[in-house]
N, C-alpha and C. Protein backbone atom coordinates (compact mmCIF):
# COMPACT_ATOMS: atom_id res chain seq x y z
N MET A 1 -218.93 56.02 30.18
CA MET A 1 -217.58 55.78 30.55
C MET A 1 -216.84 57.04 30.93
N ASN A 2 -217.23 57.99 30.33
CA ASN A 2 -216.65 59.26 30.61
C ASN A 2 -216.85 59.62 32.07
N ILE A 3 -217.95 59.35 32.59
CA ILE A 3 -218.26 59.66 33.97
C ILE A 3 -217.44 58.76 34.88
N GLU A 4 -217.32 57.52 34.51
CA GLU A 4 -216.54 56.60 35.32
C GLU A 4 -215.08 57.04 35.34
N LYS A 5 -214.57 57.42 34.19
CA LYS A 5 -213.18 57.88 34.14
C LYS A 5 -213.02 59.15 34.95
N THR A 6 -213.99 60.02 34.87
CA THR A 6 -213.93 61.27 35.61
C THR A 6 -213.98 60.98 37.11
N ILE A 7 -214.89 60.07 37.50
CA ILE A 7 -215.00 59.72 38.92
C ILE A 7 -213.71 59.04 39.36
N GLU A 8 -213.21 58.15 38.52
CA GLU A 8 -211.96 57.47 38.85
C GLU A 8 -210.83 58.47 38.95
N PHE A 9 -210.79 59.45 38.03
CA PHE A 9 -209.75 60.48 38.07
C PHE A 9 -209.88 61.32 39.35
N ILE A 10 -211.12 61.66 39.67
CA ILE A 10 -211.36 62.47 40.86
C ILE A 10 -210.95 61.67 42.11
N LEU A 11 -211.31 60.40 42.16
CA LEU A 11 -210.95 59.58 43.31
C LEU A 11 -209.43 59.40 43.38
N ASP A 12 -208.83 59.21 42.19
CA ASP A 12 -207.37 59.07 42.15
C ASP A 12 -206.71 60.36 42.62
N GLN A 13 -207.19 61.50 42.20
CA GLN A 13 -206.64 62.80 42.61
C GLN A 13 -206.88 63.02 44.11
N GLN A 14 -208.04 62.60 44.56
CA GLN A 14 -208.36 62.76 45.97
C GLN A 14 -207.43 61.87 46.80
N ALA A 15 -207.15 60.65 46.32
CA ALA A 15 -206.24 59.75 47.04
C ALA A 15 -204.84 60.31 47.05
N LYS A 16 -204.44 60.85 45.90
CA LYS A 16 -203.10 61.46 45.83
C LYS A 16 -203.02 62.67 46.77
N THR A 17 -204.07 63.47 46.78
CA THR A 17 -204.11 64.65 47.63
C THR A 17 -204.10 64.22 49.10
N GLU A 18 -204.86 63.17 49.42
CA GLU A 18 -204.88 62.66 50.79
C GLU A 18 -203.48 62.17 51.19
N ALA A 19 -202.82 61.43 50.29
CA ALA A 19 -201.48 60.92 50.58
C ALA A 19 -200.51 62.09 50.76
N LEU A 20 -200.61 63.07 49.83
CA LEU A 20 -199.75 64.25 49.93
C LEU A 20 -200.04 65.00 51.24
N TRP A 21 -201.32 65.13 51.57
CA TRP A 21 -201.72 65.80 52.81
C TRP A 21 -201.16 65.05 54.01
N GLN A 22 -201.23 63.72 53.97
CA GLN A 22 -200.71 62.90 55.06
C GLN A 22 -199.20 63.09 55.21
N ARG A 23 -198.47 63.07 54.08
CA ARG A 23 -197.01 63.28 54.12
C ARG A 23 -196.69 64.67 54.68
N ASN A 24 -197.46 65.65 54.25
CA ASN A 24 -197.24 67.02 54.75
C ASN A 24 -197.53 67.09 56.25
N GLU A 25 -198.55 66.41 56.71
CA GLU A 25 -198.86 66.37 58.14
C GLU A 25 -197.71 65.71 58.91
N GLU A 26 -197.17 64.61 58.35
CA GLU A 26 -196.05 63.92 59.00
C GLU A 26 -194.81 64.83 59.04
N ARG A 27 -194.56 65.50 57.92
CA ARG A 27 -193.43 66.45 57.88
C ARG A 27 -193.63 67.56 58.92
N TRP A 28 -194.85 68.08 58.94
CA TRP A 28 -195.18 69.14 59.88
C TRP A 28 -194.95 68.67 61.31
N GLN A 29 -195.37 67.44 61.59
CA GLN A 29 -195.19 66.87 62.92
C GLN A 29 -193.70 66.73 63.23
N ARG A 30 -192.90 66.21 62.29
CA ARG A 30 -191.45 66.08 62.50
C ARG A 30 -190.81 67.44 62.70
N ASN A 31 -191.24 68.40 61.90
CA ASN A 31 -190.71 69.76 62.06
C ASN A 31 -191.08 70.34 63.42
N GLU A 32 -192.28 70.10 63.86
CA GLU A 32 -192.70 70.55 65.19
C GLU A 32 -191.80 69.93 66.26
N GLU A 33 -191.54 68.60 66.13
CA GLU A 33 -190.68 67.92 67.08
C GLU A 33 -189.27 68.50 67.03
N ARG A 34 -188.76 68.78 65.83
CA ARG A 34 -187.43 69.39 65.69
C ARG A 34 -187.38 70.76 66.34
N TRP A 35 -188.43 71.55 66.09
CA TRP A 35 -188.46 72.88 66.68
C TRP A 35 -188.52 72.78 68.20
N GLN A 36 -189.30 71.83 68.68
CA GLN A 36 -189.38 71.65 70.13
C GLN A 36 -188.02 71.25 70.68
N HIS A 37 -187.36 70.30 69.97
CA HIS A 37 -186.02 69.87 70.39
C HIS A 37 -185.03 71.04 70.33
N ALA A 38 -185.13 71.84 69.25
CA ALA A 38 -184.26 73.02 69.10
C ALA A 38 -184.52 74.02 70.22
N ASP A 39 -185.79 74.22 70.55
CA ASP A 39 -186.13 75.12 71.66
C ASP A 39 -185.53 74.62 72.97
N GLU A 40 -185.61 73.30 73.18
CA GLU A 40 -185.02 72.73 74.40
C GLU A 40 -183.51 72.96 74.42
N ARG A 41 -182.87 72.75 73.25
CA ARG A 41 -181.42 72.98 73.19
C ARG A 41 -181.09 74.44 73.44
N TRP A 42 -181.90 75.36 72.89
CA TRP A 42 -181.67 76.78 73.14
C TRP A 42 -181.85 77.09 74.62
N GLN A 43 -182.84 76.46 75.23
CA GLN A 43 -183.07 76.69 76.65
C GLN A 43 -181.86 76.19 77.46
N HIS A 44 -181.36 74.99 77.10
CA HIS A 44 -180.17 74.47 77.79
C HIS A 44 -178.97 75.38 77.54
N ALA A 45 -178.84 75.85 76.30
CA ALA A 45 -177.72 76.75 75.97
C ALA A 45 -177.84 78.04 76.78
N ASP A 46 -179.06 78.56 76.90
CA ASP A 46 -179.27 79.77 77.70
C ASP A 46 -178.92 79.52 79.17
N GLU A 47 -179.30 78.36 79.68
CA GLU A 47 -178.96 78.02 81.07
C GLU A 47 -177.45 77.92 81.25
N ARG A 48 -176.79 77.26 80.29
CA ARG A 48 -175.33 77.16 80.37
C ARG A 48 -174.70 78.55 80.28
N TRP A 49 -175.22 79.38 79.40
CA TRP A 49 -174.71 80.75 79.27
C TRP A 49 -174.89 81.51 80.58
N GLN A 50 -176.05 81.34 81.20
CA GLN A 50 -176.31 82.01 82.47
C GLN A 50 -175.33 81.54 83.54
N ARG A 51 -175.10 80.22 83.61
CA ARG A 51 -174.15 79.70 84.59
C ARG A 51 -172.75 80.21 84.29
N ALA A 52 -172.40 80.28 83.01
CA ALA A 52 -171.07 80.80 82.64
C ALA A 52 -170.94 82.26 83.05
N GLU A 53 -171.99 83.04 82.87
CA GLU A 53 -171.96 84.45 83.30
C GLU A 53 -171.82 84.55 84.81
N GLU A 54 -172.53 83.68 85.54
CA GLU A 54 -172.42 83.68 87.00
C GLU A 54 -171.00 83.31 87.43
N ARG A 55 -170.42 82.29 86.77
CA ARG A 55 -169.03 81.92 87.09
C ARG A 55 -168.09 83.06 86.78
N SER A 56 -168.33 83.72 85.66
CA SER A 56 -167.48 84.85 85.28
C SER A 56 -167.60 85.97 86.32
N GLN A 57 -168.83 86.22 86.78
CA GLN A 57 -169.04 87.26 87.80
C GLN A 57 -168.30 86.90 89.08
N ARG A 58 -168.42 85.63 89.50
CA ARG A 58 -167.72 85.21 90.73
C ARG A 58 -166.21 85.31 90.54
N ALA A 59 -165.72 84.96 89.35
CA ALA A 59 -164.28 85.05 89.08
C ALA A 59 -163.83 86.51 89.16
N GLU A 60 -164.63 87.42 88.62
CA GLU A 60 -164.29 88.84 88.70
C GLU A 60 -164.27 89.31 90.15
N GLU A 61 -165.24 88.86 90.94
CA GLU A 61 -165.27 89.24 92.36
C GLU A 61 -164.04 88.70 93.08
N ARG A 62 -163.65 87.46 92.75
CA ARG A 62 -162.43 86.89 93.36
C ARG A 62 -161.22 87.70 92.95
N MET A 63 -161.16 88.11 91.69
CA MET A 63 -160.03 88.90 91.22
C MET A 63 -159.95 90.23 91.98
N VAL A 64 -161.10 90.85 92.21
CA VAL A 64 -161.12 92.12 92.95
C VAL A 64 -160.61 91.88 94.37
N ARG A 65 -161.09 90.77 95.00
CA ARG A 65 -160.61 90.48 96.36
C ARG A 65 -159.12 90.19 96.35
N LEU A 66 -158.65 89.45 95.34
CA LEU A 66 -157.22 89.15 95.26
C LEU A 66 -156.40 90.41 95.05
N GLU A 67 -156.92 91.32 94.22
CA GLU A 67 -156.20 92.58 94.00
C GLU A 67 -156.12 93.38 95.30
N LYS A 68 -157.22 93.38 96.07
CA LYS A 68 -157.19 94.09 97.36
C LYS A 68 -156.20 93.44 98.30
N ARG A 69 -156.19 92.09 98.33
CA ARG A 69 -155.21 91.39 99.17
C ARG A 69 -153.80 91.72 98.72
N GLN A 70 -153.60 91.75 97.40
CA GLN A 70 -152.27 92.06 96.86
C GLN A 70 -151.85 93.46 97.29
N GLU A 71 -152.80 94.41 97.23
CA GLU A 71 -152.49 95.78 97.65
C GLU A 71 -152.11 95.81 99.13
N ARG A 72 -152.89 95.09 99.97
CA ARG A 72 -152.56 95.04 101.41
C ARG A 72 -151.20 94.38 101.63
N PHE A 73 -150.94 93.32 100.89
CA PHE A 73 -149.64 92.63 101.01
C PHE A 73 -148.52 93.56 100.59
N ASP A 74 -148.73 94.29 99.48
CA ASP A 74 -147.69 95.22 99.02
C ASP A 74 -147.44 96.31 100.07
N LYS A 75 -148.54 96.82 100.68
CA LYS A 75 -148.37 97.83 101.73
C LYS A 75 -147.60 97.25 102.91
N SER A 76 -147.97 96.03 103.29
CA SER A 76 -147.27 95.38 104.41
C SER A 76 -145.81 95.17 104.07
N LEU A 77 -145.55 94.71 102.86
CA LEU A 77 -144.19 94.48 102.43
C LEU A 77 -143.41 95.79 102.41
N ASN A 78 -144.05 96.86 101.97
CA ASN A 78 -143.40 98.17 101.96
C ASN A 78 -143.10 98.61 103.39
N GLY A 79 -144.06 98.35 104.31
CA GLY A 79 -143.84 98.69 105.72
C GLY A 79 -142.67 97.89 106.30
N VAL A 80 -142.60 96.61 105.97
CA VAL A 80 -141.50 95.78 106.45
C VAL A 80 -140.17 96.30 105.88
N ARG A 81 -140.19 96.68 104.61
CA ARG A 81 -138.97 97.23 104.00
C ARG A 81 -138.54 98.49 104.73
N LYS A 82 -139.49 99.37 105.05
CA LYS A 82 -139.16 100.60 105.77
C LYS A 82 -138.59 100.27 107.15
N LEU A 83 -139.21 99.28 107.82
CA LEU A 83 -138.69 98.88 109.14
C LEU A 83 -137.27 98.35 109.04
N ILE A 84 -137.00 97.57 108.01
CA ILE A 84 -135.65 97.03 107.83
C ILE A 84 -134.66 98.16 107.57
N VAL A 85 -135.05 99.11 106.73
CA VAL A 85 -134.15 100.25 106.44
C VAL A 85 -133.89 101.04 107.72
N MET A 86 -134.96 101.29 108.50
CA MET A 86 -134.78 102.02 109.77
C MET A 86 -133.90 101.21 110.72
N GLY A 87 -134.14 99.91 110.77
CA GLY A 87 -133.33 99.04 111.63
C GLY A 87 -131.87 99.06 111.23
N MET A 88 -131.60 99.04 109.94
CA MET A 88 -130.22 99.09 109.46
C MET A 88 -129.57 100.42 109.82
N LYS A 89 -130.34 101.51 109.71
CA LYS A 89 -129.81 102.81 110.10
C LYS A 89 -129.48 102.81 111.59
N MET A 90 -130.39 102.23 112.38
CA MET A 90 -130.14 102.17 113.82
C MET A 90 -128.93 101.30 114.13
N VAL A 91 -128.79 100.19 113.43
CA VAL A 91 -127.63 99.32 113.63
C VAL A 91 -126.36 100.08 113.28
N ASN A 92 -126.40 100.84 112.18
CA ASN A 92 -125.22 101.63 111.80
C ASN A 92 -124.91 102.68 112.87
N GLN A 93 -125.97 103.32 113.40
CA GLN A 93 -125.75 104.32 114.44
C GLN A 93 -125.18 103.66 115.70
N VAL A 94 -125.74 102.52 116.07
CA VAL A 94 -125.25 101.81 117.25
C VAL A 94 -123.81 101.37 117.03
N ALA A 95 -123.51 100.89 115.81
CA ALA A 95 -122.14 100.46 115.51
C ALA A 95 -121.19 101.66 115.60
N ALA A 96 -121.62 102.82 115.08
CA ALA A 96 -120.77 104.00 115.14
C ALA A 96 -120.58 104.44 116.59
N SER A 97 -121.67 104.45 117.37
CA SER A 97 -121.54 104.86 118.77
C SER A 97 -120.75 103.81 119.55
N HIS A 98 -120.86 102.55 119.17
CA HIS A 98 -120.08 101.49 119.81
C HIS A 98 -118.59 101.71 119.55
N LYS A 99 -118.27 102.08 118.30
CA LYS A 99 -116.86 102.36 117.97
C LYS A 99 -116.36 103.55 118.78
N ALA A 100 -117.21 104.59 118.86
CA ALA A 100 -116.82 105.77 119.64
C ALA A 100 -116.66 105.38 121.11
N ALA A 101 -117.56 104.54 121.62
CA ALA A 101 -117.46 104.10 123.01
C ALA A 101 -116.21 103.26 123.21
N GLN A 102 -115.87 102.44 122.22
CA GLN A 102 -114.65 101.62 122.30
C GLN A 102 -113.42 102.52 122.39
N VAL A 103 -113.40 103.56 121.54
CA VAL A 103 -112.27 104.50 121.56
C VAL A 103 -112.21 105.20 122.90
N GLU A 104 -113.37 105.67 123.37
CA GLU A 104 -113.41 106.37 124.65
C GLU A 104 -113.01 105.44 125.79
N LEU A 105 -113.48 104.19 125.76
CA LEU A 105 -113.11 103.21 126.77
C LEU A 105 -111.61 102.95 126.74
N SER A 106 -111.07 102.89 125.54
CA SER A 106 -109.63 102.69 125.41
C SER A 106 -108.87 103.86 126.02
N GLU A 107 -109.36 105.06 125.76
CA GLU A 107 -108.73 106.24 126.34
C GLU A 107 -108.85 106.21 127.86
N ILE A 108 -110.03 105.85 128.37
CA ILE A 108 -110.23 105.79 129.82
C ILE A 108 -109.30 104.75 130.44
N ARG A 109 -109.16 103.61 129.79
CA ARG A 109 -108.24 102.58 130.30
C ARG A 109 -106.81 103.10 130.35
N GLY A 110 -106.44 103.83 129.27
CA GLY A 110 -105.10 104.44 129.26
C GLY A 110 -104.95 105.42 130.41
N ASP A 111 -105.97 106.26 130.62
CA ASP A 111 -105.93 107.21 131.73
C ASP A 111 -105.85 106.49 133.07
N ILE A 112 -106.62 105.41 133.23
CA ILE A 112 -106.58 104.65 134.49
C ILE A 112 -105.20 104.05 134.69
N ARG A 113 -104.59 103.54 133.63
CA ARG A 113 -103.23 103.00 133.76
C ARG A 113 -102.25 104.10 134.20
N GLY A 114 -102.43 105.26 133.57
CA GLY A 114 -101.58 106.39 133.96
C GLY A 114 -101.80 106.78 135.40
N LEU A 115 -103.08 106.83 135.82
CA LEU A 115 -103.38 107.17 137.20
C LEU A 115 -102.84 106.11 138.16
N THR A 116 -102.96 104.85 137.74
CA THR A 116 -102.45 103.76 138.59
C THR A 116 -100.94 103.89 138.76
N ALA A 117 -100.27 104.18 137.64
CA ALA A 117 -98.80 104.34 137.72
C ALA A 117 -98.45 105.55 138.59
N ALA A 118 -99.20 106.66 138.41
CA ALA A 118 -98.94 107.86 139.21
C ALA A 118 -99.22 107.58 140.68
N GLN A 119 -100.28 106.82 140.95
CA GLN A 119 -100.61 106.46 142.34
C GLN A 119 -99.50 105.63 142.94
N LYS A 120 -98.93 104.71 142.18
CA LYS A 120 -97.84 103.88 142.69
C LYS A 120 -96.63 104.76 143.01
N ARG A 121 -96.34 105.70 142.10
CA ARG A 121 -95.20 106.59 142.36
C ARG A 121 -95.46 107.44 143.60
N THR A 122 -96.71 107.91 143.73
CA THR A 122 -97.06 108.71 144.89
C THR A 122 -96.94 107.88 146.16
N ASP A 123 -97.41 106.64 146.12
CA ASP A 123 -97.30 105.75 147.28
C ASP A 123 -95.83 105.53 147.65
N GLN A 124 -95.00 105.33 146.64
CA GLN A 124 -93.57 105.10 146.90
C GLN A 124 -92.95 106.34 147.53
N LYS A 125 -93.28 107.51 146.99
CA LYS A 125 -92.73 108.75 147.55
C LYS A 125 -93.24 108.96 148.97
N PHE A 126 -94.52 108.65 149.19
CA PHE A 126 -95.07 108.82 150.52
C PHE A 126 -94.40 107.87 151.51
N GLU A 127 -94.16 106.63 151.07
CA GLU A 127 -93.46 105.68 151.95
C GLU A 127 -92.05 106.19 152.27
N ARG A 128 -91.36 106.74 151.26
CA ARG A 128 -90.02 107.28 151.53
C ARG A 128 -90.10 108.46 152.49
N LEU A 129 -91.09 109.29 152.32
CA LEU A 129 -91.26 110.44 153.20
C LEU A 129 -91.54 109.97 154.63
N VAL A 130 -92.41 108.98 154.77
CA VAL A 130 -92.71 108.44 156.09
C VAL A 130 -91.45 107.84 156.69
N GLU A 131 -90.69 107.16 155.90
CA GLU A 131 -89.45 106.53 156.36
C GLU A 131 -88.45 107.61 156.83
N LEU A 132 -88.34 108.64 156.06
CA LEU A 132 -87.43 109.72 156.44
C LEU A 132 -87.87 110.39 157.74
N LEU A 133 -89.17 110.61 157.81
CA LEU A 133 -89.68 111.27 159.01
C LEU A 133 -89.57 110.36 160.23
N SER A 134 -89.70 109.07 160.02
CA SER A 134 -89.61 108.16 161.16
C SER A 134 -88.17 108.05 161.65
N ARG A 135 -87.19 108.36 160.88
CA ARG A 135 -85.80 108.30 161.30
C ARG A 135 -85.47 109.51 162.18
N ARG A 136 -86.15 110.53 162.08
CA ARG A 136 -85.89 111.71 162.89
C ARG A 136 -86.41 111.52 164.29
N SER A 137 -85.92 112.24 165.18
CA SER A 137 -86.34 112.11 166.57
C SER A 137 -87.60 112.90 166.77
N PRO A 138 -88.32 112.56 167.79
CA PRO A 138 -89.56 113.25 168.04
C PRO A 138 -89.32 114.69 168.50
N ASN A 139 -88.19 115.05 168.90
CA ASN A 139 -87.93 116.42 169.37
C ASN A 139 -87.60 117.35 168.23
N GLY A 140 -87.43 116.85 167.17
CA GLY A 140 -87.02 117.66 166.04
C GLY A 140 -85.53 117.60 165.84
N HIS A 141 -84.81 116.85 166.69
CA HIS A 141 -83.37 116.70 166.50
C HIS A 141 -83.10 115.36 165.93
N ARG A 142 -82.00 115.27 165.38
CA ARG A 142 -81.65 114.00 164.80
C ARG A 142 -81.03 113.12 165.74
């Protein structure tokens, strides 16, 4: 009986060991599947990270282009401001010379009026002189 119990014990231990071995194999298989799934997730995460880095790089390149455009716009705006300032100076100069021309024109008009009046007086005196001379005789006698 001792041998039977020993054989039974050995078979029982072997069955338990086989069951334990089977459970460990199943666990190992599940763990392998988890690791494979985790590896796939890491791979997807790496791909997403790569795409995010590419988007970030493109965004930085766009920012550089925008900054360059902003610089060109600022230069253009500064040029326009300078043109406006120069234009205003020219307008002020033209306005000042226009005022001076207005004053000079006013003076010239006054001079022309004076000359016109003097011409009228001269014409009147000349007419009187002609009239006086026409009353005299051609011989020099009256």
